[in-house]
Amino acid sequence: MRISDALASVRPFFSFEFFPPRDDDGSRRLFETIAALQPLRPAFVSITYGAGGSTRSRTVALAKQIQSETGMTVVAHVTCVGSTRAELRMLFDDLARAGIVNVLALRGDAPASSGGFEAPPGGFAHATELIAMLRRNYDFCIGAACYPEKHPEAASESADLARLREKVDAGADFLVSQLFFDNAVYFDFDRRVRDAGITVPMLPGLMPITNFDQIRRFVALCGATIPPKLHVEMTLRRGDAEAVEALGVAYASMQAVELLQSGVPGVHFYTLNRSPATRAIVSALLAASAWRLPGYSSATHR
């Protein structure tokens, strides 16, 4: 199913993100995670693309394998990094032949050792260029990334919003947000996005905290922030992995409930290729019908 169609018809809407494993053991664990999450009936699963295009072939192969073996709707991440336009056309031809109709088009991050992103010779410099090429030449449903706390390389919030508008004008059908831990930040971002005339659906991205040190490294790279109160509570639990994960699951659950009740179309979960935390959160949301807005009546939502 095209994500744009799913967003118009599926409630509750949950999606899960995975990254390509490095070896056979990682692949086995990933498919165990997918099997554990599949009963939750995600609207889609997405497969990331390593820094510098380092997992390009594995991303495509994994996207094809998941879709063929599980029947789940797959979104394949594709970046501009490390590929010429001709190489990307070959990749998209391969995805299209495999029946994959959804892609997330990103500029991507260069390897940490490279000193920053540089467009490869014969390649694209921005996600906007990649999206425009896809819109001209293919029939994919195209997703793009957005940043509630702005992209770390953006000069300002207004400049970042202008780049987002360019991506949508170039042909993006839906947006997936970078992770965040403060819903007020997301709600303010959503208001600014809509005030800018951007009307495509936008999925907030949540990452349940299961390892606080790991999350701190992530947010340092992506420009997200951890609210002071959450930071204090997590710090108090350092050294107690079970306590950290319990708080992380509870906190992400509260975030998801508030977001869904505000009217967002769904929630995108960054799973880190693990199932327990995401499975606990989504199972609780489904059991509590937490996506239903105040005043919900089954008679009017059939």
C-alpha atoms as a PDB file:
ATOM      1  CA  MET A   1       0.000   0.000   0.000  1.00  0.00           C
ATOM      2  CA  ARG A   2       1.151   3.532  -0.721  1.00  0.00           C
ATOM      3  CA  ILE A   3       1.831   5.409   2.514  1.00  0.00           C
ATOM      4  CA  SER A   4      -0.267   8.356   1.362  1.00  0.00           C
ATOM      5  CA  ASP A   5      -3.257   6.004   1.003  1.00  0.00           C
ATOM      6  CA  ALA A   6      -2.583   4.356   4.369  1.00  0.00           C
ATOM      7  CA  LEU A   7      -2.366   7.731   6.100  1.00  0.00           C
ATOM      8  CA  ALA A   8      -5.777   8.610   4.693  1.00  0.00           C
ATOM      9  CA  SER A   9      -7.442   5.397   5.858  1.00  0.00           C
ATOM     10  CA  VAL A  10      -5.617   3.615   8.683  1.00  0.00           C
ATOM     11  CA  ARG A  11      -6.211   4.403  12.373  1.00  0.00           C
ATOM     12  CA  PRO A  12      -4.381   3.790  14.591  1.00  0.00           C
ATOM     13  CA  PHE A  13      -1.304   4.313  12.414  1.00  0.00           C
ATOM     14  CA  PHE A  14       1.961   2.930  13.753  1.00  0.00           C
ATOM     15  CA  SER A  15       5.207   2.375  11.875  1.00  0.00           C
ATOM     16  CA  PHE A  16       8.549   0.889  12.891  1.00  0.00           C
ATOM     17  CA  GLU A  17      12.067   1.697  11.728  1.00  0.00           C
ATOM     18  CA  PHE A  18      14.900  -0.826  11.482  1.00  0.00           C
ATOM     19  CA  PHE A  19      18.504  -0.655  10.313  1.00  0.00           C
ATOM     20  CA  PRO A  20      20.328  -3.257   8.194  1.00  0.00           C
ATOM     21  CA  PRO A  21      22.246  -5.748  10.358  1.00  0.00           C
ATOM     22  CA  ARG A  22      25.968  -6.231   9.891  1.00  0.00           C
ATOM     23  CA  ASP A  23      26.090 -10.030   9.885  1.00  0.00           C
ATOM     24  CA  ASP A  24      24.031 -13.218   9.868  1.00  0.00           C
ATOM     25  CA  ASP A  25      23.437 -13.128  13.624  1.00  0.00           C
ATOM     26  CA  GLY A  26      22.146  -9.586  13.302  1.00  0.00           C
ATOM     27  CA  SER A  27      19.841 -10.647  10.478  1.00  0.00           C
ATOM     28  CA  ARG A  28      18.452 -13.475  12.581  1.00  0.00           C
ATOM     29  CA  ARG A  29      17.791 -11.117  15.495  1.00  0.00           C
ATOM     30  CA  LEU A  30      16.201  -8.553  13.204  1.00  0.00           C
ATOM     31  CA  PHE A  31      13.722 -11.040  11.791  1.00  0.00           C
ATOM     32  CA  GLU A  32      12.913 -12.188  15.325  1.00  0.00           C
ATOM     33  CA  THR A  33      12.148  -8.547  16.148  1.00  0.00           C
ATOM     34  CA  ILE A  34      10.002  -8.175  13.035  1.00  0.00           C
ATOM     35  CA  ALA A  35       8.103 -11.375  13.897  1.00  0.00           C
ATOM     36  CA  ALA A  36       7.454 -10.068  17.409  1.00  0.00           C
ATOM     37  CA  LEU A  37       6.141  -6.730  16.114  1.00  0.00           C
ATOM     38  CA  GLN A  38       4.156  -7.995  13.120  1.00  0.00           C
ATOM     39  CA  PRO A  39       1.032  -8.913  15.175  1.00  0.00           C
ATOM     40  CA  LEU A  40       0.711  -5.204  15.983  1.00  0.00           C
ATOM     41  CA  ARG A  41      -0.073  -4.702  12.277  1.00  0.00           C
ATOM     42  CA  PRO A  42       2.181  -1.724  11.566  1.00  0.00           C
ATOM     43  CA  ALA A  43       1.119   0.443   8.654  1.00  0.00           C
ATOM     44  CA  PHE A  44       4.682   0.190   7.390  1.00  0.00           C
ATOM     45  CA  VAL A  45       8.229  -0.667   8.368  1.00  0.00           C
ATOM     46  CA  SER A  46      11.197   1.331   7.132  1.00  0.00           C
ATOM     47  CA  ILE A  47      14.781   0.267   6.478  1.00  0.00           C
ATOM     48  CA  THR A  48      17.546   2.812   6.994  1.00  0.00           C
ATOM     49  CA  TYR A  49      20.622   3.570   4.925  1.00  0.00           C
ATOM     50  CA  GLY A  50      24.030   3.689   6.609  1.00  0.00           C
ATOM     51  CA  ALA A  51      26.243   6.762   6.795  1.00  0.00           C
ATOM     52  CA  GLY A  52      28.070   7.298   3.553  1.00  0.00           C
ATOM     53  CA  GLY A  53      25.749   4.884   1.766  1.00  0.00           C
ATOM     54  CA  SER A  54      27.549   2.082   3.589  1.00  0.00           C
ATOM     55  CA  THR A  55      24.549  -0.263   3.659  1.00  0.00           C
ATOM     56  CA  ARG A  56      22.984   0.600   0.304  1.00  0.00           C
ATOM     57  CA  SER A  57      22.928  -2.944  -1.072  1.00  0.00           C
ATOM     58  CA  ARG A  58      21.808  -4.436   2.252  1.00  0.00           C
ATOM     59  CA  THR A  59      19.039  -1.848   2.577  1.00  0.00           C
ATOM     60  CA  VAL A  60      17.608  -2.768  -0.812  1.00  0.00           C
ATOM     61  CA  ALA A  61      17.998  -6.514  -0.271  1.00  0.00           C
ATOM     62  CA  LEU A  62      16.414  -6.327   3.178  1.00  0.00           C
ATOM     63  CA  ALA A  63      13.522  -4.195   1.975  1.00  0.00           C
ATOM     64  CA  LYS A  64      12.792  -6.726  -0.751  1.00  0.00           C
ATOM     65  CA  GLN A  65      13.111  -9.686   1.629  1.00  0.00           C
ATOM     66  CA  ILE A  66      10.808  -8.243   4.280  1.00  0.00           C
ATOM     67  CA  GLN A  67       8.142  -7.331   1.760  1.00  0.00           C
ATOM     68  CA  SER A  68       8.271 -10.698  -0.015  1.00  0.00           C
ATOM     69  CA  GLU A  69       8.445 -12.872   3.117  1.00  0.00           C
ATOM     70  CA  THR A  70       6.102 -11.002   5.463  1.00  0.00           C
ATOM     71  CA  GLY A  71       3.802  -9.063   3.163  1.00  0.00           C
ATOM     72  CA  MET A  72       4.359  -5.950   5.265  1.00  0.00           C
ATOM     73  CA  THR A  73       4.470  -2.565   3.549  1.00  0.00           C
ATOM     74  CA  VAL A  74       8.091  -1.421   3.355  1.00  0.00           C
ATOM     75  CA  VAL A  75       9.592   2.041   3.012  1.00  0.00           C
ATOM     76  CA  ALA A  76      13.177   1.971   1.747  1.00  0.00           C
ATOM     77  CA  HIS A  77      15.458   4.805   2.849  1.00  0.00           C
ATOM     78  CA  VAL A  78      17.696   6.167   0.099  1.00  0.00           C
ATOM     79  CA  THR A  79      20.288   8.929   0.466  1.00  0.00           C
ATOM     80  CA  CYS A  80      22.338  11.080  -1.855  1.00  0.00           C
ATOM     81  CA  VAL A  81      25.601  10.122  -0.144  1.00  0.00           C
ATOM     82  CA  GLY A  82      28.220   8.196  -2.104  1.00  0.00           C
ATOM     83  CA  SER A  83      26.149   7.546  -5.242  1.00  0.00           C
ATOM     84  CA  THR A  84      25.974   9.076  -8.685  1.00  0.00           C
ATOM     85  CA  ARG A  85      22.650   9.871 -10.267  1.00  0.00           C
ATOM     86  CA  ALA A  86      23.045   6.878 -12.573  1.00  0.00           C
ATOM     87  CA  GLU A  87      23.708   4.563  -9.623  1.00  0.00           C
ATOM     88  CA  LEU A  88      20.637   5.862  -7.821  1.00  0.00           C
ATOM     89  CA  ARG A  89      18.521   5.343 -10.940  1.00  0.00           C
ATOM     90  CA  MET A  90      19.666   1.703 -11.018  1.00  0.00           C
ATOM     91  CA  LEU A  91      18.760   1.338  -7.341  1.00  0.00           C
ATOM     92  CA  PHE A  92      15.285   2.811  -7.856  1.00  0.00           C
ATOM     93  CA  ASP A  93      14.740   0.616 -10.904  1.00  0.00           C
ATOM     94  CA  ASP A  94      15.561  -2.388  -8.706  1.00  0.00           C
ATOM     95  CA  LEU A  95      13.115  -1.277  -5.996  1.00  0.00           C
ATOM     96  CA  ALA A  96      10.371  -0.682  -8.548  1.00  0.00           C
ATOM     97  CA  ARG A  97      10.865  -4.123 -10.113  1.00  0.00           C
ATOM     98  CA  ALA A  98      10.567  -5.657  -6.640  1.00  0.00           C
ATOM     99  CA  GLY A  99       7.175  -4.014  -6.157  1.00  0.00           C
ATOM    100  CA  ILE A 100       8.331  -1.565  -3.492  1.00  0.00           C
ATOM    101  CA  VAL A 101       6.334   1.617  -3.977  1.00  0.00           C
ATOM    102  CA  ASN A 102       7.425   3.729  -0.989  1.00  0.00           C
ATOM    103  CA  VAL A 103      10.776   5.447  -0.427  1.00  0.00           C
ATOM    104  CA  LEU A 104      12.115   7.928   2.105  1.00  0.00           C
ATOM    105  CA  ALA A 105      14.371  10.324   0.197  1.00  0.00           C
ATOM    106  CA  LEU A 106      17.162  11.850   2.294  1.00  0.00           C
ATOM    107  CA  ARG A 107      20.354  13.775   1.751  1.00  0.00           C
ATOM    108  CA  GLY A 108      22.032  11.549   4.312  1.00  0.00           C
ATOM    109  CA  ASP A 109      25.031  11.969   6.581  1.00  0.00           C
ATOM    110  CA  ALA A 110      28.611  11.467   5.511  1.00  0.00           C
ATOM    111  CA  PRO A 111      30.850   9.139   7.542  1.00  0.00           C
ATOM    112  CA  ALA A 112      32.095  10.820  10.719  1.00  0.00           C
ATOM    113  CA  SER A 113      35.676  10.695   9.440  1.00  0.00           C
ATOM    114  CA  SER A 114      34.893  12.666   6.276  1.00  0.00           C
ATOM    115  CA  GLY A 115      34.558  16.098   7.843  1.00  0.00           C
ATOM    116  CA  GLY A 116      31.094  16.818   6.449  1.00  0.00           C
ATOM    117  CA  PHE A 117      28.765  16.160   3.546  1.00  0.00           C
ATOM    118  CA  GLU A 118      29.967  16.749   0.013  1.00  0.00           C
ATOM    119  CA  ALA A 119      27.933  15.946  -3.060  1.00  0.00           C
ATOM    120  CA  PRO A 120      29.595  13.062  -4.937  1.00  0.00           C
ATOM    121  CA  PRO A 121      30.690  13.748  -8.514  1.00  0.00           C
ATOM    122  CA  GLY A 122      27.645  13.245 -10.691  1.00  0.00           C
ATOM    123  CA  GLY A 123      25.397  13.007  -7.636  1.00  0.00           C
ATOM    124  CA  PHE A 124      22.851  15.076  -5.745  1.00  0.00           C
ATOM    125  CA  ALA A 125      23.663  17.779  -3.202  1.00  0.00           C
ATOM    126  CA  HIS A 126      20.276  17.961  -1.480  1.00  0.00           C
ATOM    127  CA  ALA A 127      17.274  15.775  -0.718  1.00  0.00           C
ATOM    128  CA  THR A 128      15.181  18.236  -2.728  1.00  0.00           C
ATOM    129  CA  GLU A 129      17.056  17.278  -5.900  1.00  0.00           C
ATOM    130  CA  LEU A 130      16.590  13.582  -5.194  1.00  0.00           C
ATOM    131  CA  ILE A 131      12.871  14.049  -4.543  1.00  0.00           C
ATOM    132  CA  ALA A 132      12.419  16.053  -7.743  1.00  0.00           C
ATOM    133  CA  MET A 133      14.136  13.323  -9.784  1.00  0.00           C
ATOM    134  CA  LEU A 134      11.897  10.680  -8.224  1.00  0.00           C
ATOM    135  CA  ARG A 135       8.766  12.707  -8.944  1.00  0.00           C
ATOM    136  CA  ARG A 136       9.776  13.164 -12.584  1.00  0.00           C
ATOM    137  CA  ASN A 137      10.788   9.591 -13.323  1.00  0.00           C
ATOM    138  CA  TYR A 138       8.999   7.182 -10.981  1.00  0.00           C
ATOM    139  CA  ASP A 139       5.655   6.453  -9.395  1.00  0.00           C
ATOM    140  CA  PHE A 140       6.899   6.041  -5.830  1.00  0.00           C
ATOM    141  CA  CYS A 141       5.120   7.461  -2.819  1.00  0.00           C
ATOM    142  CA  ILE A 142       7.866   9.742  -1.501  1.00  0.00           C
ATOM    143  CA  GLY A 143       8.604  10.533   2.129  1.00  0.00           C
ATOM    144  CA  ALA A 144      10.980  13.161   3.482  1.00  0.00           C
ATOM    145  CA  ALA A 145      12.505  13.957   6.850  1.00  0.00           C
ATOM    146  CA  CYS A 146      11.679  16.930   9.064  1.00  0.00           C
ATOM    147  CA  TYR A 147      13.294  18.234  12.222  1.00  0.00           C
ATOM    148  CA  PRO A 148      11.220  19.599  15.139  1.00  0.00           C
ATOM    149  CA  GLU A 149      14.395  21.054  16.681  1.00  0.00           C
ATOM    150  CA  LYS A 150      15.833  21.957  13.235  1.00  0.00           C
ATOM    151  CA  HIS A 151      18.499  20.126  11.318  1.00  0.00           C
ATOM    152  CA  PRO A 152      21.846  20.509  13.113  1.00  0.00           C
ATOM    153  CA  GLU A 153      23.375  22.104  10.002  1.00  0.00           C
ATOM    154  CA  ALA A 154      20.542  24.616   9.469  1.00  0.00           C
ATOM    155  CA  ALA A 155      21.378  28.257  10.179  1.00  0.00           C
ATOM    156  CA  SER A 156      18.003  28.918  11.809  1.00  0.00           C
ATOM    157  CA  GLU A 157      14.531  27.493  12.301  1.00  0.00           C
ATOM    158  CA  SER A 158      13.207  29.653   9.464  1.00  0.00           C
ATOM    159  CA  ALA A 159      15.943  28.458   7.104  1.00  0.00           C
ATOM    160  CA  ASP A 160      15.221  24.855   8.023  1.00  0.00           C
ATOM    161  CA  LEU A 161      11.501  25.385   7.421  1.00  0.00           C
ATOM    162  CA  ALA A 162      12.258  26.899   4.015  1.00  0.00           C
ATOM    163  CA  ARG A 163      14.229  23.755   3.073  1.00  0.00           C
ATOM    164  CA  LEU A 164      11.297  21.621   4.201  1.00  0.00           C
ATOM    165  CA  ARG A 165       8.927  23.607   2.018  1.00  0.00           C
ATOM    166  CA  GLU A 166      11.270  23.030  -0.934  1.00  0.00           C
ATOM    167  CA  LYS A 167      11.166  19.263  -0.347  1.00  0.00           C
ATOM    168  CA  VAL A 168       7.380  19.250  -0.292  1.00  0.00           C
ATOM    169  CA  ASP A 169       7.152  21.478  -3.363  1.00  0.00           C
ATOM    170  CA  ALA A 170       9.533  19.093  -5.148  1.00  0.00           C
ATOM    171  CA  GLY A 171       7.135  16.207  -4.584  1.00  0.00           C
ATOM    172  CA  ALA A 172       7.289  14.770  -1.047  1.00  0.00           C
ATOM    173  CA  ASP A 173       3.980  13.078  -0.158  1.00  0.00           C
ATOM    174  CA  PHE A 174       4.520  12.691   3.598  1.00  0.00           C
ATOM    175  CA  LEU A 175       6.990  13.616   6.325  1.00  0.00           C
ATOM    176  CA  VAL A 176       8.611  11.672   9.161  1.00  0.00           C
ATOM    177  CA  SER A 177      10.084  13.648  12.021  1.00  0.00           C
ATOM    178  CA  GLN A 178      13.411  13.265  13.752  1.00  0.00           C
ATOM    179  CA  LEU A 179      13.098  11.886  17.277  1.00  0.00           C
ATOM    180  CA  PHE A 180      12.149  14.273  20.082  1.00  0.00           C
ATOM    181  CA  PHE A 181      11.335  13.994  23.778  1.00  0.00           C
ATOM    182  CA  ASP A 182       9.285  17.138  24.369  1.00  0.00           C
ATOM    183  CA  ASN A 183       5.831  17.171  22.803  1.00  0.00           C
ATOM    184  CA  ALA A 184       5.589  20.941  23.222  1.00  0.00           C
ATOM    185  CA  VAL A 185       8.507  21.253  20.800  1.00  0.00           C
ATOM    186  CA  TYR A 186       6.683  19.078  18.269  1.00  0.00           C
ATOM    187  CA  PHE A 187       3.387  20.948  18.623  1.00  0.00           C
ATOM    188  CA  ASP A 188       5.150  24.273  18.054  1.00  0.00           C
ATOM    189  CA  PHE A 189       6.920  22.825  15.024  1.00  0.00           C
ATOM    190  CA  ASP A 190       3.655  21.485  13.611  1.00  0.00           C
ATOM    191  CA  ARG A 191       2.072  24.919  13.973  1.00  0.00           C
ATOM    192  CA  ARG A 192       4.954  26.581  12.126  1.00  0.00           C
ATOM    193  CA  VAL A 193       4.847  23.919   9.403  1.00  0.00           C
ATOM    194  CA  ARG A 194       1.136  24.459   8.805  1.00  0.00           C
ATOM    195  CA  ASP A 195       1.488  28.247   8.956  1.00  0.00           C
ATOM    196  CA  ALA A 196       4.081  27.901   6.179  1.00  0.00           C
ATOM    197  CA  GLY A 197       1.433  26.307   3.962  1.00  0.00           C
ATOM    198  CA  ILE A 198       2.784  22.755   4.208  1.00  0.00           C
ATOM    199  CA  THR A 199      -0.214  20.437   4.310  1.00  0.00           C
ATOM    200  CA  VAL A 200       1.164  16.925   3.700  1.00  0.00           C
ATOM    201  CA  PRO A 201       0.757  14.404   6.554  1.00  0.00           C
ATOM    202  CA  MET A 202       3.529  14.386   9.159  1.00  0.00           C
ATOM    203  CA  LEU A 203       4.410  11.503  11.459  1.00  0.00           C
ATOM    204  CA  PRO A 204       6.108  12.293  14.781  1.00  0.00           C
ATOM    205  CA  GLY A 205       9.087  10.055  15.513  1.00  0.00           C
ATOM    206  CA  LEU A 206       9.607   8.552  18.974  1.00  0.00           C
ATOM    207  CA  MET A 207      12.519   6.527  20.331  1.00  0.00           C
ATOM    208  CA  PRO A 208      11.830   4.772  23.648  1.00  0.00           C
ATOM    209  CA  ILE A 209      14.850   5.178  25.918  1.00  0.00           C
ATOM    210  CA  THR A 210      16.253   1.759  26.782  1.00  0.00           C
ATOM    211  CA  ASN A 211      19.909   2.780  27.139  1.00  0.00           C
ATOM    212  CA  PHE A 212      20.422   6.320  28.410  1.00  0.00           C
ATOM    213  CA  ASP A 213      24.079   6.672  27.408  1.00  0.00           C
ATOM    214  CA  GLN A 214      23.235   5.509  23.897  1.00  0.00           C
ATOM    215  CA  ILE A 215      20.388   8.018  23.612  1.00  0.00           C
ATOM    216  CA  ARG A 216      22.628  10.817  24.810  1.00  0.00           C
ATOM    217  CA  ARG A 217      25.022  10.030  21.959  1.00  0.00           C
ATOM    218  CA  PHE A 218      22.143  10.023  19.470  1.00  0.00           C
ATOM    219  CA  VAL A 219      20.745  13.370  20.513  1.00  0.00           C
ATOM    220  CA  ALA A 220      24.218  14.928  20.414  1.00  0.00           C
ATOM    221  CA  LEU A 221      24.479  13.905  16.755  1.00  0.00           C
ATOM    222  CA  CYS A 222      20.986  14.821  15.592  1.00  0.00           C
ATOM    223  CA  GLY A 223      20.444  18.048  17.518  1.00  0.00           C
ATOM    224  CA  ALA A 224      17.557  16.809  19.653  1.00  0.00           C
ATOM    225  CA  THR A 225      17.333  17.621  23.363  1.00  0.00           C
ATOM    226  CA  ILE A 226      16.318  15.715  26.475  1.00  0.00           C
ATOM    227  CA  PRO A 227      14.028  17.688  28.817  1.00  0.00           C
ATOM    228  CA  PRO A 228      15.772  18.534  32.116  1.00  0.00           C
ATOM    229  CA  LYS A 229      13.335  16.592  34.318  1.00  0.00           C
ATOM    230  CA  LEU A 230      13.659  13.469  32.173  1.00  0.00           C
ATOM    231  CA  HIS A 231      17.429  13.859  32.166  1.00  0.00           C
ATOM    232  CA  VAL A 232      17.482  14.013  35.978  1.00  0.00           C
ATOM    233  CA  GLU A 233      15.265  10.941  36.377  1.00  0.00           C
ATOM    234  CA  MET A 234      17.295   8.958  33.869  1.00  0.00           C
ATOM    235  CA  THR A 235      20.554   9.973  35.543  1.00  0.00           C
ATOM    236  CA  LEU A 236      19.231   8.760  38.894  1.00  0.00           C
ATOM    237  CA  ARG A 237      18.626   5.331  37.309  1.00  0.00           C
ATOM    238  CA  ARG A 238      22.000   4.938  35.588  1.00  0.00           C
ATOM    239  CA  GLY A 239      23.434   1.543  36.407  1.00  0.00           C
ATOM    240  CA  ASP A 240      19.969  -0.020  36.653  1.00  0.00           C
ATOM    241  CA  ALA A 241      19.104  -1.107  33.119  1.00  0.00           C
ATOM    242  CA  GLU A 242      15.633  -2.356  34.034  1.00  0.00           C
ATOM    243  CA  ALA A 243      14.721   0.916  35.743  1.00  0.00           C
ATOM    244  CA  VAL A 244      15.971   2.945  32.772  1.00  0.00           C
ATOM    245  CA  GLU A 245      13.933   0.888  30.325  1.00  0.00           C
ATOM    246  CA  ALA A 246      10.814   0.992  32.514  1.00  0.00           C
ATOM    247  CA  LEU A 247      10.967   4.786  32.666  1.00  0.00           C
ATOM    248  CA  GLY A 248      11.733   4.976  28.951  1.00  0.00           C
ATOM    249  CA  VAL A 249       8.686   2.883  28.063  1.00  0.00           C
ATOM    250  CA  ALA A 250       6.421   4.846  30.411  1.00  0.00           C
ATOM    251  CA  TYR A 251       7.657   8.199  29.131  1.00  0.00           C
ATOM    252  CA  ALA A 252       7.308   7.282  25.436  1.00  0.00           C
ATOM    253  CA  SER A 253       3.836   5.885  26.137  1.00  0.00           C
ATOM    254  CA  MET A 254       2.755   9.198  27.656  1.00  0.00           C
ATOM    255  CA  GLN A 255       4.229  11.054  24.689  1.00  0.00           C
ATOM    256  CA  ALA A 256       2.353   8.813  22.246  1.00  0.00           C
ATOM    257  CA  VAL A 257      -0.985   9.172  24.053  1.00  0.00           C
ATOM    258  CA  GLU A 258      -0.765  12.968  24.053  1.00  0.00           C
ATOM    259  CA  LEU A 259       0.302  13.069  20.415  1.00  0.00           C
ATOM    260  CA  LEU A 260      -2.464  10.752  19.240  1.00  0.00           C
ATOM    261  CA  GLN A 261      -5.117  12.567  21.214  1.00  0.00           C
ATOM    262  CA  SER A 262      -3.933  15.844  19.679  1.00  0.00           C
ATOM    263  CA  GLY A 263      -4.877  14.449  16.272  1.00  0.00           C
ATOM    264  CA  VAL A 264      -1.554  13.392  14.722  1.00  0.00           C
ATOM    265  CA  PRO A 265      -2.113  10.709  12.052  1.00  0.00           C
ATOM    266  CA  GLY A 266       0.119   8.188  13.799  1.00  0.00           C
ATOM    267  CA  VAL A 267       3.466   7.568  15.443  1.00  0.00           C
ATOM    268  CA  HIS A 268       6.726   6.349  13.916  1.00  0.00           C
ATOM    269  CA  PHE A 269       8.919   4.335  16.311  1.00  0.00           C
ATOM    270  CA  TYR A 270      12.695   4.130  16.069  1.00  0.00           C
ATOM    271  CA  THR A 271      13.141   0.563  17.325  1.00  0.00           C
ATOM    272  CA  LEU A 272      16.949   0.102  17.264  1.00  0.00           C
ATOM    273  CA  ASN A 273      16.092  -3.400  15.951  1.00  0.00           C
ATOM    274  CA  ARG A 274      14.623  -4.395  19.319  1.00  0.00           C
ATOM    275  CA  SER A 275      11.025  -5.326  19.999  1.00  0.00           C
ATOM    276  CA  PRO A 276      10.223  -5.299  23.762  1.00  0.00           C
ATOM    277  CA  ALA A 277       9.921  -1.546  24.394  1.00  0.00           C
ATOM    278  CA  THR A 278       8.032  -0.727  21.198  1.00  0.00           C
ATOM    279  CA  ARG A 279       5.816  -3.791  21.571  1.00  0.00           C
ATOM    280  CA  ALA A 280       4.917  -2.800  25.145  1.00  0.00           C
ATOM    281  CA  ILE A 281       4.055   0.767  24.158  1.00  0.00           C
ATOM    282  CA  VAL A 282       1.961  -0.045  21.100  1.00  0.00           C
ATOM    283  CA  SER A 283       0.183  -2.934  22.840  1.00  0.00           C
ATOM    284  CA  ALA A 284      -0.796  -0.597  25.675  1.00  0.00           C
ATOM    285  CA  LEU A 285      -1.986   2.079  23.247  1.00  0.00           C
ATOM    286  CA  LEU A 286      -4.130  -0.433  21.395  1.00  0.00           C
ATOM    287  CA  ALA A 287      -5.543  -1.925  24.592  1.00  0.00           C
ATOM    288  CA  ALA A 288      -6.490   1.517  25.875  1.00  0.00           C
ATOM    289  CA  SER A 289      -7.752   2.778  22.504  1.00  0.00           C
ATOM    290  CA  ALA A 290      -5.483   5.704  23.280  1.00  0.00           C
ATOM    291  CA  TRP A 291      -5.606   7.138  19.764  1.00  0.00           C
ATOM    292  CA  ARG A 292      -9.263   8.027  20.152  1.00  0.00           C
ATOM    293  CA  LEU A 293      -9.926  11.684  20.652  1.00  0.00           C
ATOM    294  CA  PRO A 294     -12.085  12.952  23.540  1.00  0.00           C
ATOM    295  CA  GLY A 295     -15.724  12.517  22.586  1.00  0.00           C
ATOM    296  CA  TYR A 296     -14.962   9.510  20.349  1.00  0.00           C
ATOM    297  CA  SER A 297     -18.014   7.451  19.509  1.00  0.00           C
ATOM    298  CA  SER A 298     -17.839   4.047  17.843  1.00  0.00           C
ATOM    299  CA  ALA A 299     -21.095   4.862  16.083  1.00  0.00           C
ATOM    300  CA  THR A 300     -19.393   7.640  14.115  1.00  0.00           C
ATOM    301  CA  HIS A 301     -16.026   5.954  13.474  1.00  0.00           C
ATOM    302  CA  ARG A 302     -16.899   2.756  11.653  1.00  0.00           C
END
